C-alpha atoms as a PDB file:
ATOM      1  CA  MET A   1      46.129 -98.834-120.414  1.00  0.00           C
ATOM      2  CA  PRO A   2      46.592 -97.013-117.117  1.00  0.00           C
ATOM      3  CA  GLU A   3      47.652 -98.999-114.077  1.00  0.00           C
ATOM      4  CA  ILE A   4      47.053 -98.586-110.367  1.00  0.00           C
ATOM      5  CA  THR A   5      49.020-100.205-107.563  1.00  0.00           C
ATOM      6  CA  LEU A   6      46.958-101.856-104.838  1.00  0.00           C
ATOM      7  CA  SER A   7      48.237-103.629-101.753  1.00  0.00           C
ATOM      8  CA  THR A   8      48.063-106.914-103.697  1.00  0.00           C
ATOM      9  CA  GLY A   9      49.698-105.764-106.940  1.00  0.00           C
ATOM     10  CA  ARG A  10      49.053-103.694-110.046  1.00  0.00           C
ATOM     11  CA  ILE A  11      45.721-103.600-111.892  1.00  0.00           C
ATOM     12  CA  ARG A  12      45.359-102.461-115.501  1.00  0.00           C
ATOM     13  CA  TYR A  13      42.114-100.821-116.528  1.00  0.00           C
ATOM     14  CA  ARG A  14      40.467 -98.915-119.362  1.00  0.00           C
ATOM     15  CA  ASP A  15      39.002 -95.579-118.237  1.00  0.00           C
ATOM     16  CA  ARG A  16      36.911 -93.658-120.747  1.00  0.00           C
ATOM     17  CA  GLY A  17      34.136 -91.084-120.703  1.00  0.00           C
ATOM     18  CA  SER A  18      33.032 -88.793-117.909  1.00  0.00           C
ATOM     19  CA  GLY A  19      30.169 -88.499-115.502  1.00  0.00           C
ATOM     20  CA  SER A  20      28.758 -90.930-112.988  1.00  0.00           C
ATOM     21  CA  PRO A  21      31.193 -93.884-112.674  1.00  0.00           C
ATOM     22  CA  ILE A  22      30.442 -97.394-113.887  1.00  0.00           C
ATOM     23  CA  VAL A  23      32.891-100.145-112.938  1.00  0.00           C
ATOM     24  CA  PHE A  24      32.664-103.457-114.805  1.00  0.00           C
ATOM     25  CA  VAL A  25      33.515-106.859-113.334  1.00  0.00           C
ATOM     26  CA  HIS A  26      34.204-109.797-115.658  1.00  0.00           C
ATOM     27  CA  GLY A  27      34.557-113.482-114.804  1.00  0.00           C
ATOM     28  CA  LEU A  28      37.073-116.308-114.899  1.00  0.00           C
ATOM     29  CA  PHE A  29      39.480-116.426-117.885  1.00  0.00           C
ATOM     30  CA  ALA A  30      38.090-113.187-119.305  1.00  0.00           C
ATOM     31  CA  ASN A  31      39.207-109.586-118.899  1.00  0.00           C
ATOM     32  CA  GLY A  32      37.803-106.090-119.203  1.00  0.00           C
ATOM     33  CA  SER A  33      37.484-106.363-122.972  1.00  0.00           C
ATOM     34  CA  LEU A  34      34.315-108.379-122.374  1.00  0.00           C
ATOM     35  CA  TRP A  35      32.614-105.040-121.677  1.00  0.00           C
ATOM     36  CA  TYR A  36      34.227-102.750-124.245  1.00  0.00           C
ATOM     37  CA  THR A  37      31.358-102.717-126.759  1.00  0.00           C
ATOM     38  CA  VAL A  38      28.870-101.927-123.997  1.00  0.00           C
ATOM     39  CA  SER A  39      31.070 -99.232-122.473  1.00  0.00           C
ATOM     40  CA  ASP A  40      31.669 -97.682-125.910  1.00  0.00           C
ATOM     41  CA  SER A  41      27.934 -96.955-126.056  1.00  0.00           C
ATOM     42  CA  LEU A  42      27.810 -95.530-122.531  1.00  0.00           C
ATOM     43  CA  GLU A  43      30.915 -93.360-122.332  1.00  0.00           C
ATOM     44  CA  ALA A  44      29.219 -90.287-123.817  1.00  0.00           C
ATOM     45  CA  ASN A  45      27.234 -89.992-120.579  1.00  0.00           C
ATOM     46  CA  PHE A  46      29.194 -91.964-118.005  1.00  0.00           C
ATOM     47  CA  ARG A  47      32.729 -92.675-116.855  1.00  0.00           C
ATOM     48  CA  CYS A  48      33.229 -96.317-117.843  1.00  0.00           C
ATOM     49  CA  ILE A  49      36.021 -98.222-116.096  1.00  0.00           C
ATOM     50  CA  SER A  50      36.857-101.750-117.218  1.00  0.00           C
ATOM     51  CA  PRO A  51      39.640-103.301-115.107  1.00  0.00           C
ATOM     52  CA  ASP A  52      41.413-106.576-115.777  1.00  0.00           C
ATOM     53  CA  TRP A  53      40.740-108.363-112.511  1.00  0.00           C
ATOM     54  CA  PRO A  54      43.112-111.212-111.491  1.00  0.00           C
ATOM     55  CA  MET A  55      40.979-114.135-112.621  1.00  0.00           C
ATOM     56  CA  GLY A  56      43.321-115.803-115.086  1.00  0.00           C
ATOM     57  CA  ALA A  57      43.310-113.462-118.094  1.00  0.00           C
ATOM     58  CA  HIS A  58      45.070-110.506-116.469  1.00  0.00           C
ATOM     59  CA  THR A  59      48.514-109.525-117.718  1.00  0.00           C
ATOM     60  CA  LEU A  60      50.092-108.329-114.446  1.00  0.00           C
ATOM     61  CA  PRO A  61      50.571-111.058-111.813  1.00  0.00           C
ATOM     62  CA  MET A  62      49.673-110.202-108.253  1.00  0.00           C
ATOM     63  CA  THR A  63      52.357-110.251-105.561  1.00  0.00           C
ATOM     64  CA  THR A  64      53.363-113.699-104.347  1.00  0.00           C
ATOM     65  CA  GLU A  65      51.689-113.145-100.961  1.00  0.00           C
ATOM     66  CA  ALA A  66      48.457-111.659-102.375  1.00  0.00           C
ATOM     67  CA  ASP A  67      45.101-113.156-101.432  1.00  0.00           C
ATOM     68  CA  VAL A  68      43.705-114.084-104.844  1.00  0.00           C
ATOM     69  CA  SER A  69      40.712-116.007-103.509  1.00  0.00           C
ATOM     70  CA  PRO A  70      37.237-114.788-104.524  1.00  0.00           C
ATOM     71  CA  ARG A  71      37.035-112.987-101.184  1.00  0.00           C
ATOM     72  CA  GLY A  72      40.462-111.494-101.806  1.00  0.00           C
ATOM     73  CA  VAL A  73      39.475-110.240-105.267  1.00  0.00           C
ATOM     74  CA  ALA A  74      36.297-108.766-103.767  1.00  0.00           C
ATOM     75  CA  ARG A  75      38.475-106.772-101.377  1.00  0.00           C
ATOM     76  CA  MET A  76      40.641-105.692-104.336  1.00  0.00           C
ATOM     77  CA  ILE A  77      37.569-104.226-106.018  1.00  0.00           C
ATOM     78  CA  GLY A  78      36.767-102.265-102.877  1.00  0.00           C
ATOM     79  CA  GLU A  79      40.372-101.047-102.639  1.00  0.00           C
ATOM     80  CA  PHE A  80      40.305-100.082-106.336  1.00  0.00           C
ATOM     81  CA  LEU A  81      37.219 -97.921-105.801  1.00  0.00           C
ATOM     82  CA  GLU A  82      38.934 -96.217-102.880  1.00  0.00           C
ATOM     83  CA  ALA A  83      42.214 -95.736-104.744  1.00  0.00           C
ATOM     84  CA  LEU A  84      40.425 -93.929-107.593  1.00  0.00           C
ATOM     85  CA  ASP A  85      38.162 -92.165-105.069  1.00  0.00           C
ATOM     86  CA  LEU A  86      35.058 -93.357-106.909  1.00  0.00           C
ATOM     87  CA  ARG A  87      31.736 -92.670-105.220  1.00  0.00           C
ATOM     88  CA  ASP A  88      28.137 -93.609-105.954  1.00  0.00           C
ATOM     89  CA  VAL A  89      29.501 -96.288-108.287  1.00  0.00           C
ATOM     90  CA  THR A  90      27.377 -98.516-110.476  1.00  0.00           C
ATOM     91  CA  LEU A  91      28.890-102.001-110.416  1.00  0.00           C
ATOM     92  CA  VAL A  92      28.146-104.123-113.488  1.00  0.00           C
ATOM     93  CA  ALA A  93      29.014-107.790-112.998  1.00  0.00           C
ATOM     94  CA  ASN A  94      28.964-111.015-115.002  1.00  0.00           C
ATOM     95  CA  ASP A  95      29.744-114.716-114.542  1.00  0.00           C
ATOM     96  CA  THR A  96      32.283-115.360-111.753  1.00  0.00           C
ATOM     97  CA  GLY A  97      32.551-111.617-111.352  1.00  0.00           C
ATOM     98  CA  GLY A  98      28.953-111.612-110.185  1.00  0.00           C
ATOM     99  CA  ALA A  99      29.829-113.915-107.295  1.00  0.00           C
ATOM    100  CA  VAL A 100      32.854-111.780-106.394  1.00  0.00           C
ATOM    101  CA  THR A 101      30.686-108.647-106.446  1.00  0.00           C
ATOM    102  CA  GLN A 102      28.144-110.341-104.177  1.00  0.00           C
ATOM    103  CA  LEU A 103      30.947-111.015-101.681  1.00  0.00           C
ATOM    104  CA  LEU A 104      32.048-107.376-101.870  1.00  0.00           C
ATOM    105  CA  LEU A 105      28.568-105.995-101.255  1.00  0.00           C
ATOM    106  CA  ALA A 106      27.773-108.525 -98.546  1.00  0.00           C
ATOM    107  CA  GLU A 107      30.793-107.308 -96.573  1.00  0.00           C
ATOM    108  CA  GLY A 108      29.711-103.700 -97.100  1.00  0.00           C
ATOM    109  CA  CYS A 109      30.857-101.182 -99.704  1.00  0.00           C
ATOM    110  CA  ASP A 110      29.692 -97.636 -99.110  1.00  0.00           C
ATOM    111  CA  ARG A 111      31.056 -96.512-102.478  1.00  0.00           C
ATOM    112  CA  ALA A 112      28.559 -98.680-104.383  1.00  0.00           C
ATOM    113  CA  GLY A 113      25.380 -96.848-105.323  1.00  0.00           C
ATOM    114  CA  ARG A 114      23.768 -99.364-107.688  1.00  0.00           C
ATOM    115  CA  LEU A 115      24.240-102.873-109.010  1.00  0.00           C
ATOM    116  CA  VAL A 116      23.675-104.354-112.447  1.00  0.00           C
ATOM    117  CA  MET A 117      23.978-108.124-112.254  1.00  0.00           C
ATOM    118  CA  THR A 118      23.976-110.161-115.443  1.00  0.00           C
ATOM    119  CA  PRO A 119      24.068-114.012-115.508  1.00  0.00           C
ATOM    120  CA  SER A 120      26.373-114.922-112.659  1.00  0.00           C
ATOM    121  CA  ASP A 121      27.445-117.585-110.209  1.00  0.00           C
ATOM    122  CA  SER A 122      25.001-117.443-107.318  1.00  0.00           C
ATOM    123  CA  PHE A 123      23.828-119.394-104.297  1.00  0.00           C
ATOM    124  CA  GLU A 124      24.892-123.065-104.471  1.00  0.00           C
ATOM    125  CA  ASN A 125      25.894-122.697-108.132  1.00  0.00           C
ATOM    126  CA  PHE A 126      29.485-121.566-107.499  1.00  0.00           C
ATOM    127  CA  PRO A 127      31.038-122.788-109.690  1.00  0.00           C
ATOM    128  CA  PRO A 128      28.533-124.317-112.145  1.00  0.00           C
ATOM    129  CA  ARG A 129      28.663-128.098-112.265  1.00  0.00           C
ATOM    130  CA  LEU A 130      30.357-128.297-115.677  1.00  0.00           C
ATOM    131  CA  PHE A 131      33.294-126.167-114.467  1.00  0.00           C
ATOM    132  CA  ARG A 132      33.813-127.886-111.113  1.00  0.00           C
ATOM    133  CA  PRO A 133      36.608-130.119-112.454  1.00  0.00           C
ATOM    134  CA  LEU A 134      38.730-126.960-112.858  1.00  0.00           C
ATOM    135  CA  GLN A 135      38.384-126.336-109.142  1.00  0.00           C
ATOM    136  CA  TYR A 136      39.699-129.806-108.354  1.00  0.00           C
ATOM    137  CA  ILE A 137      42.554-129.973-110.856  1.00  0.00           C
ATOM    138  CA  ALA A 138      43.739-126.555-109.664  1.00  0.00           C
ATOM    139  CA  ARG A 139      44.594-128.229-106.354  1.00  0.00           C
ATOM    140  CA  VAL A 140      47.108-130.513-108.095  1.00  0.00           C
ATOM    141  CA  PRO A 141      50.502-128.891-108.813  1.00  0.00           C
ATOM    142  CA  GLY A 142      50.560-128.183-112.553  1.00  0.00           C
ATOM    143  CA  GLY A 143      47.076-129.645-112.926  1.00  0.00           C
ATOM    144  CA  LEU A 144      45.358-126.526-114.209  1.00  0.00           C
ATOM    145  CA  THR A 145      48.095-125.883-116.770  1.00  0.00           C
ATOM    146  CA  ALA A 146      47.792-129.430-118.074  1.00  0.00           C
ATOM    147  CA  GLY A 147      44.007-129.317-118.038  1.00  0.00           C
ATOM    148  CA  LEU A 148      43.818-126.182-120.172  1.00  0.00           C
ATOM    149  CA  GLN A 149      46.386-127.163-122.809  1.00  0.00           C
ATOM    150  CA  ALA A 150      43.612-128.205-125.212  1.00  0.00           C
ATOM    151  CA  LEU A 151      42.441-124.581-125.358  1.00  0.00           C
ATOM    152  CA  ARG A 152      45.517-123.652-127.336  1.00  0.00           C
ATOM    153  CA  ALA A 153      43.505-125.042-130.280  1.00  0.00           C
ATOM    154  CA  ARG A 154      40.917-122.460-131.262  1.00  0.00           C
ATOM    155  CA  PRO A 155      38.216-124.948-132.400  1.00  0.00           C
ATOM    156  CA  LEU A 156      38.210-126.637-128.980  1.00  0.00           C
ATOM    157  CA  ARG A 157      37.327-123.366-127.288  1.00  0.00           C
ATOM    158  CA  ARG A 158      33.773-123.808-128.617  1.00  0.00           C
ATOM    159  CA  LEU A 159      33.283-126.883-126.449  1.00  0.00           C
ATOM    160  CA  PRO A 160      30.650-126.482-123.701  1.00  0.00           C
ATOM    161  CA  MET A 161      33.248-126.834-120.943  1.00  0.00           C
ATOM    162  CA  ALA A 162      35.318-124.045-122.517  1.00  0.00           C
ATOM    163  CA  PHE A 163      33.666-120.905-123.952  1.00  0.00           C
ATOM    164  CA  GLY A 164      31.066-122.679-126.098  1.00  0.00           C
ATOM    165  CA  TRP A 165      28.037-122.215-123.836  1.00  0.00           C
ATOM    166  CA  LEU A 166      29.011-118.780-122.571  1.00  0.00           C
ATOM    167  CA  ALA A 167      28.245-116.895-125.793  1.00  0.00           C
ATOM    168  CA  LYS A 168      25.426-117.772-128.160  1.00  0.00           C
ATOM    169  CA  GLY A 169      27.111-115.912-130.993  1.00  0.00           C
ATOM    170  CA  SER A 170      30.646-116.519-132.139  1.00  0.00           C
ATOM    171  CA  LEU A 171      33.502-115.380-129.945  1.00  0.00           C
ATOM    172  CA  PRO A 172      36.276-113.672-131.916  1.00  0.00           C
ATOM    173  CA  ALA A 173      39.370-115.871-131.876  1.00  0.00           C
ATOM    174  CA  GLU A 174      41.498-112.790-131.268  1.00  0.00           C
ATOM    175  CA  MET A 175      39.550-112.098-128.082  1.00  0.00           C
ATOM    176  CA  THR A 176      39.955-115.597-126.647  1.00  0.00           C
ATOM    177  CA  ASP A 177      43.612-115.551-127.742  1.00  0.00           C
ATOM    178  CA  ALA A 178      44.102-112.435-125.619  1.00  0.00           C
ATOM    179  CA  TRP A 179      42.236-113.974-122.692  1.00  0.00           C
ATOM    180  CA  LEU A 180      44.292-117.181-122.683  1.00  0.00           C
ATOM    181  CA  ARG A 181      47.733-115.872-123.651  1.00  0.00           C
ATOM    182  CA  PRO A 182      48.665-114.543-120.185  1.00  0.00           C
ATOM    183  CA  PHE A 183      47.909-117.907-118.582  1.00  0.00           C
ATOM    184  CA  PHE A 184      50.013-119.840-121.076  1.00  0.00           C
ATOM    185  CA  THR A 185      52.939-117.420-121.077  1.00  0.00           C
ATOM    186  CA  GLN A 186      53.301-116.223-117.453  1.00  0.00           C
ATOM    187  CA  ARG A 187      53.946-118.392-114.422  1.00  0.00           C
ATOM    188  CA  GLY A 188      52.564-115.701-112.104  1.00  0.00           C
ATOM    189  CA  ILE A 189      49.225-115.644-113.926  1.00  0.00           C
ATOM    190  CA  ARG A 190      48.963-119.435-113.667  1.00  0.00           C
ATOM    191  CA  ARG A 191      49.674-119.147-109.945  1.00  0.00           C
ATOM    192  CA  ASP A 192      46.956-116.499-109.489  1.00  0.00           C
ATOM    193  CA  ALA A 193      44.376-118.493-111.474  1.00  0.00           C
ATOM    194  CA  SER A 194      45.061-121.667-109.500  1.00  0.00           C
ATOM    195  CA  ARG A 195      44.763-119.873-106.177  1.00  0.00           C
ATOM    196  CA  PHE A 196      41.513-118.247-107.269  1.00  0.00           C
ATOM    197  CA  LEU A 197      39.943-121.544-108.342  1.00  0.00           C
ATOM    198  CA  ARG A 198      41.110-123.504-105.314  1.00  0.00           C
ATOM    199  CA  ALA A 199      39.271-121.102-103.019  1.00  0.00           C
ATOM    200  CA  PHE A 200      35.814-121.427-104.603  1.00  0.00           C
ATOM    201  CA  ASP A 201      33.250-122.242-101.909  1.00  0.00           C
ATOM    202  CA  ASN A 202      29.512-121.977-102.409  1.00  0.00           C
ATOM    203  CA  ALA A 203      29.147-121.525 -98.654  1.00  0.00           C
ATOM    204  CA  ASP A 204      30.449-118.010 -99.352  1.00  0.00           C
ATOM    205  CA  THR A 205      27.844-117.193-102.008  1.00  0.00           C
ATOM    206  CA  LEU A 206      25.032-118.700 -99.926  1.00  0.00           C
ATOM    207  CA  ALA A 207      26.082-116.604 -96.935  1.00  0.00           C
ATOM    208  CA  ALA A 208      26.354-113.517 -99.136  1.00  0.00           C
ATOM    209  CA  ALA A 209      22.801-114.026-100.402  1.00  0.00           C
ATOM    210  CA  ASP A 210      21.549-114.123 -96.813  1.00  0.00           C
ATOM    211  CA  ARG A 211      23.260-110.820 -96.072  1.00  0.00           C
ATOM    212  CA  LEU A 212      22.253-109.041 -99.271  1.00  0.00           C
ATOM    213  CA  VAL A 213      18.647-108.681 -98.114  1.00  0.00           C
ATOM    214  CA  ALA A 214      20.089-105.577 -96.443  1.00  0.00           C
ATOM    215  CA  PHE A 215      21.408-104.133 -99.737  1.00  0.00           C
ATOM    216  CA  ASP A 216      18.722-101.527-100.365  1.00  0.00           C
ATOM    217  CA  LYS A 217      20.336 -99.739-103.323  1.00  0.00           C
ATOM    218  CA  PRO A 218      18.741-100.046-106.803  1.00  0.00           C
ATOM    219  CA  VAL A 219      19.485-103.315-108.595  1.00  0.00           C
ATOM    220  CA  LEU A 220      18.988-104.193-112.255  1.00  0.00           C
ATOM    221  CA  LEU A 221      19.015-107.890-113.134  1.00  0.00           C
ATOM    222  CA  LEU A 222      19.776-108.442-116.831  1.00  0.00           C
ATOM    223  CA  TRP A 223      19.378-112.184-117.299  1.00  0.00           C
ATOM    224  CA  ALA A 224      19.304-114.489-120.312  1.00  0.00           C
ATOM    225  CA  PRO A 225      16.483-117.061-120.176  1.00  0.00           C
ATOM    226  CA  GLU A 226      18.500-119.343-122.488  1.00  0.00           C
ATOM    227  CA  ASP A 227      21.616-119.324-120.297  1.00  0.00           C
ATOM    228  CA  ARG A 228      23.058-122.844-119.920  1.00  0.00           C
ATOM    229  CA  PHE A 229      24.811-122.226-116.582  1.00  0.00           C
ATOM    230  CA  PHE A 230      22.845-119.618-114.649  1.00  0.00           C
ATOM    231  CA  PRO A 231      19.100-120.330-114.781  1.00  0.00           C
ATOM    232  CA  LEU A 232      16.486-117.613-114.883  1.00  0.00           C
ATOM    233  CA  SER A 233      15.145-118.981-111.609  1.00  0.00           C
ATOM    234  CA  HIS A 234      18.259-117.571-109.942  1.00  0.00           C
ATOM    235  CA  ALA A 235      17.389-114.105-111.221  1.00  0.00           C
ATOM    236  CA  HIS A 236      13.913-114.499-109.746  1.00  0.00           C
ATOM    237  CA  ARG A 237      15.486-115.492-106.426  1.00  0.00           C
ATOM    238  CA  TRP A 238      17.616-112.361-106.529  1.00  0.00           C
ATOM    239  CA  ALA A 239      14.570-110.249-107.354  1.00  0.00           C
ATOM    240  CA  GLU A 240      12.991-111.500-104.136  1.00  0.00           C
ATOM    241  CA  ILE A 241      16.152-110.972-102.070  1.00  0.00           C
ATOM    242  CA  PHE A 242      17.050-107.417-103.090  1.00  0.00           C
ATOM    243  CA  PRO A 243      14.585-104.861-101.691  1.00  0.00           C
ATOM    244  CA  ASP A 244      14.784-102.643-104.796  1.00  0.00           C
ATOM    245  CA  ALA A 245      15.309-104.877-107.849  1.00  0.00           C
ATOM    246  CA  ARG A 246      13.985-105.039-111.391  1.00  0.00           C
ATOM    247  CA  LEU A 247      14.423-108.016-113.712  1.00  0.00           C
ATOM    248  CA  VAL A 248      14.823-107.610-117.476  1.00  0.00           C
ATOM    249  CA  GLU A 249      15.166-110.674-119.679  1.00  0.00           C
ATOM    250  CA  VAL A 250      17.838-110.580-122.396  1.00  0.00           C
ATOM    251  CA  PRO A 251      16.696-112.642-125.404  1.00  0.00           C
ATOM    252  CA  ASP A 252      18.851-114.637-127.813  1.00  0.00           C
ATOM    253  CA  SER A 253      21.818-114.729-125.460  1.00  0.00           C
ATOM    254  CA  TYR A 254      23.826-116.938-123.145  1.00  0.00           C
ATOM    255  CA  THR A 255      25.998-115.820-120.203  1.00  0.00           C
ATOM    256  CA  PHE A 256      27.984-113.194-122.103  1.00  0.00           C
ATOM    257  CA  VAL A 257      25.074-110.809-122.659  1.00  0.00           C
ATOM    258  CA  ALA A 258      27.627-108.027-123.208  1.00  0.00           C
ATOM    259  CA  LEU A 259      28.760-109.815-126.380  1.00  0.00           C
ATOM    260  CA  ASP A 260      25.505-111.381-127.535  1.00  0.00           C
ATOM    261  CA  GLN A 261      23.287-108.305-126.972  1.00  0.00           C
ATOM    262  CA  PRO A 262      25.551-105.276-126.358  1.00  0.00           C
ATOM    263  CA  GLU A 263      23.097-102.639-127.600  1.00  0.00           C
ATOM    264  CA  LEU A 264      20.254-103.915-125.435  1.00  0.00           C
ATOM    265  CA  VAL A 265      22.534-104.212-122.386  1.00  0.00           C
ATOM    266  CA  ALA A 266      23.925-100.702-122.863  1.00  0.00           C
ATOM    267  CA  ASP A 267      20.474 -99.229-123.347  1.00  0.00           C
ATOM    268  CA  GLU A 268      19.081-100.943-120.243  1.00  0.00           C
ATOM    269  CA  ILE A 269      22.012 -99.746-118.142  1.00  0.00           C
ATOM    270  CA  ALA A 270      21.602 -96.184-119.444  1.00  0.00           C
ATOM    271  CA  GLN A 271      17.886 -96.199-118.654  1.00  0.00           C
ATOM    272  CA  PHE A 272      18.602 -97.657-115.220  1.00  0.00           C
ATOM    273  CA  LEU A 273      20.886 -94.685-114.609  1.00  0.00           C
ATOM    274  CA  GLY A 274      18.312 -92.220-115.861  1.00  0.00           C
ATOM    275  CA  SER A 275      19.794 -91.538-119.263  1.00  0.00           C
ATOM    276  CA  SER A 276      19.784 -92.850-122.811  1.00  0.00           C
ATOM    277  CA  ILE A 277      22.571 -93.991-125.111  1.00  0.00           C
ATOM    278  CA  ASN A 278      21.091 -91.684-127.730  1.00  0.00           C
ATOM    279  CA  GLU A 279      21.315 -88.477-125.758  1.00  0.00           C
ATOM    280  CA  LYS A 280      24.115 -86.587-124.046  1.00  0.00           C
ATOM    281  CA  THR A 281      23.497 -85.619-120.447  1.00  0.00           C
ATOM    282  CA  ALA A 282      24.057 -81.997-119.545  1.00  0.00           C
END
């Protein structure tokens, strides 16, 4: 995977296809592979960029002085777009990455041309109630490492407070292995993840929502009515906040719509961008 050096450290990313750029943003303890099946369907018409953002499953630790708070990661996304000189970008966000993207856009990002937001932390729901203990144990030295030890056992990853309620279908063990291995094997990754979690503050997402009434670019909300963490009512709130938004419900899915319904998600994104996954743009 190519790498790019930002002021906070190096970011690895997958960059495939050509055309109008799409940049994907994953959530906590996931990486860019969350989006690979979706981007595979889109890369005939679009340039699909899937970075591994520093949210606990990245493989390159940030510098020791880096700001790895949600606000800091939001600024990293903006710096990444500038470093690659990407313009009129479609940002596609999920889970914690949705909250981070909200912070980016609320502060202003003139390189963003459109937003696709899938089930994400929003408003007062940052983080969701079931995951709030992670925020607290991350404040105790070594607490997060101890708290996640159970996830070394693959069967326990299907528990609701792990990955169990994030995907309705089965998550490949090899994928969750890859997501968790950096945390368990690299001190710097554990440091980054703890700093990220300690800085969660729903005052930030509530303030961002107030400011995003001014985001007048096209927005596609792809939301799962069955999601256990991010209710459909939040998507309806976003549809009222964004001046130019359309809501599409994703059936038979939980938070990880990119894994549960990749074909539908890819097709909706392509149509949103004025194309189709079945045809090559000129």
